[in-house]
Amino acid sequence: MPKKRKSYSLGLRTRAGISIRKQRTRILNEMRSPHKCPRCTSPTVRRLSVGIWGCTKCGYSFAGGAYTPETKLGQSSARTS
């Protein structure tokens, strides 16, 4: 009987390197942490898809970064405006 292949999340195997695995863990933890809604300010914002974020409380959806609702460029442009 042939061996069953192991499946790895996001295609990163053990041999991918510690720095890449640490970076992936940091990004995913940041993405899954609670974020504040710009409309109702409750910490219930979740990622709907890449770059689209939605509040589960008030239903407000908005565009943001791929892994965080606000990007560094968006924050700096909001400060200058």
C-alpha atoms as a PDB file:
ATOM      1  CA  MET A   1       0.000   0.000   0.000  1.00  0.00           C
ATOM      2  CA  PRO A   2       1.462   3.423  -0.959  1.00  0.00           C
ATOM      3  CA  LYS A   3       2.158   6.010   1.705  1.00  0.00           C
ATOM      4  CA  LYS A   4      -0.354   8.795   2.139  1.00  0.00           C
ATOM      5  CA  ARG A   5       1.011  12.238   1.288  1.00  0.00           C
ATOM      6  CA  LYS A   6       0.920  14.858   4.000  1.00  0.00           C
ATOM      7  CA  SER A   7      -0.856  18.094   3.208  1.00  0.00           C
ATOM      8  CA  TYR A   8       0.733  21.368   4.294  1.00  0.00           C
ATOM      9  CA  SER A   9      -1.061  24.634   4.839  1.00  0.00           C
ATOM     10  CA  LEU A  10      -0.340  27.215   2.122  1.00  0.00           C
ATOM     11  CA  GLY A  11       2.242  24.936   0.552  1.00  0.00           C
ATOM     12  CA  LEU A  12       4.936  25.694   3.143  1.00  0.00           C
ATOM     13  CA  ARG A  13       6.773  22.576   4.202  1.00  0.00           C
ATOM     14  CA  THR A  14       9.173  22.064   7.063  1.00  0.00           C
ATOM     15  CA  ARG A  15      12.067  22.803   4.744  1.00  0.00           C
ATOM     16  CA  ALA A  16      10.719  26.254   3.865  1.00  0.00           C
ATOM     17  CA  GLY A  17      12.971  27.910   6.457  1.00  0.00           C
ATOM     18  CA  ILE A  18      12.350  29.348   9.888  1.00  0.00           C
ATOM     19  CA  SER A  19      12.275  33.003   8.790  1.00  0.00           C
ATOM     20  CA  ILE A  20       9.519  32.345   6.238  1.00  0.00           C
ATOM     21  CA  ARG A  21       7.483  30.336   8.757  1.00  0.00           C
ATOM     22  CA  LYS A  22       7.871  33.076  11.401  1.00  0.00           C
ATOM     23  CA  GLN A  23       6.799  35.743   8.909  1.00  0.00           C
ATOM     24  CA  ARG A  24       3.763  33.684   7.865  1.00  0.00           C
ATOM     25  CA  THR A  25       2.767  33.158  11.511  1.00  0.00           C
ATOM     26  CA  ARG A  26       3.114  36.878  12.272  1.00  0.00           C
ATOM     27  CA  ILE A  27       0.993  37.871   9.269  1.00  0.00           C
ATOM     28  CA  LEU A  28      -1.765  35.344  10.007  1.00  0.00           C
ATOM     29  CA  ASN A  29      -1.901  36.317  13.688  1.00  0.00           C
ATOM     30  CA  GLU A  30      -2.237  39.988  12.716  1.00  0.00           C
ATOM     31  CA  MET A  31      -4.952  39.163  10.184  1.00  0.00           C
ATOM     32  CA  ARG A  32      -7.000  37.095  12.644  1.00  0.00           C
ATOM     33  CA  SER A  33      -6.719  39.532  15.540  1.00  0.00           C
ATOM     34  CA  PRO A  34      -9.745  41.752  16.279  1.00  0.00           C
ATOM     35  CA  HIS A  35      -9.837  45.063  14.398  1.00  0.00           C
ATOM     36  CA  LYS A  36     -12.077  48.078  15.057  1.00  0.00           C
ATOM     37  CA  CYS A  37     -14.864  48.960  12.670  1.00  0.00           C
ATOM     38  CA  PRO A  38     -14.533  52.477  11.189  1.00  0.00           C
ATOM     39  CA  ARG A  39     -18.298  53.021  11.467  1.00  0.00           C
ATOM     40  CA  CYS A  40     -19.389  51.534  14.824  1.00  0.00           C
ATOM     41  CA  THR A  41     -15.908  51.195  16.467  1.00  0.00           C
ATOM     42  CA  SER A  42     -16.621  47.699  17.786  1.00  0.00           C
ATOM     43  CA  PRO A  43     -13.784  45.141  17.465  1.00  0.00           C
ATOM     44  CA  THR A  44     -15.737  42.841  15.133  1.00  0.00           C
ATOM     45  CA  VAL A  45     -14.084  43.362  11.735  1.00  0.00           C
ATOM     46  CA  ARG A  46     -13.245  40.181   9.826  1.00  0.00           C
ATOM     47  CA  ARG A  47     -11.657  39.598   6.436  1.00  0.00           C
ATOM     48  CA  LEU A  48     -14.194  38.582   3.789  1.00  0.00           C
ATOM     49  CA  SER A  49     -11.694  38.101   0.965  1.00  0.00           C
ATOM     50  CA  VAL A  50      -8.361  39.557  -0.102  1.00  0.00           C
ATOM     51  CA  GLY A  51      -8.582  43.295   0.516  1.00  0.00           C
ATOM     52  CA  ILE A  52     -12.260  43.284   1.541  1.00  0.00           C
ATOM     53  CA  TRP A  53     -13.149  43.621   5.213  1.00  0.00           C
ATOM     54  CA  GLY A  54     -16.542  43.538   6.890  1.00  0.00           C
ATOM     55  CA  CYS A  55     -17.984  44.268  10.318  1.00  0.00           C
ATOM     56  CA  THR A  56     -20.059  41.410  11.683  1.00  0.00           C
ATOM     57  CA  LYS A  57     -22.016  43.724  13.996  1.00  0.00           C
ATOM     58  CA  CYS A  58     -23.217  46.528  11.717  1.00  0.00           C
ATOM     59  CA  GLY A  59     -22.648  44.858   8.312  1.00  0.00           C
ATOM     60  CA  TYR A  60     -20.365  47.625   7.013  1.00  0.00           C
ATOM     61  CA  SER A  61     -17.892  46.412   4.386  1.00  0.00           C
ATOM     62  CA  PHE A  62     -14.900  48.342   3.135  1.00  0.00           C
ATOM     63  CA  ALA A  63     -11.666  47.960   1.211  1.00  0.00           C
ATOM     64  CA  GLY A  64      -8.349  47.649   2.979  1.00  0.00           C
ATOM     65  CA  GLY A  65      -5.078  45.816   2.754  1.00  0.00           C
ATOM     66  CA  ALA A  66      -4.687  42.126   2.005  1.00  0.00           C
ATOM     67  CA  TYR A  67      -3.870  41.178   5.593  1.00  0.00           C
ATOM     68  CA  THR A  68      -4.862  44.270   7.620  1.00  0.00           C
ATOM     69  CA  PRO A  69      -7.848  46.598   7.264  1.00  0.00           C
ATOM     70  CA  GLU A  70      -5.597  49.673   7.097  1.00  0.00           C
ATOM     71  CA  THR A  71      -2.359  49.868   5.145  1.00  0.00           C
ATOM     72  CA  LYS A  72       0.623  52.045   6.022  1.00  0.00           C
ATOM     73  CA  LEU A  73       0.029  54.111   2.868  1.00  0.00           C
ATOM     74  CA  GLY A  74      -3.615  54.664   3.807  1.00  0.00           C
ATOM     75  CA  GLN A  75      -2.676  55.752   7.305  1.00  0.00           C
ATOM     76  CA  SER A  76      -0.132  58.277   6.032  1.00  0.00           C
ATOM     77  CA  SER A  77      -2.531  59.691   3.428  1.00  0.00           C
ATOM     78  CA  ALA A  78      -5.240  60.088   6.098  1.00  0.00           C
ATOM     79  CA  ARG A  79      -2.804  62.081   8.235  1.00  0.00           C
ATOM     80  CA  THR A  80      -1.965  64.482   5.401  1.00  0.00           C
ATOM     81  CA  SER A  81      -5.594  65.016   4.335  1.00  0.00           C
END
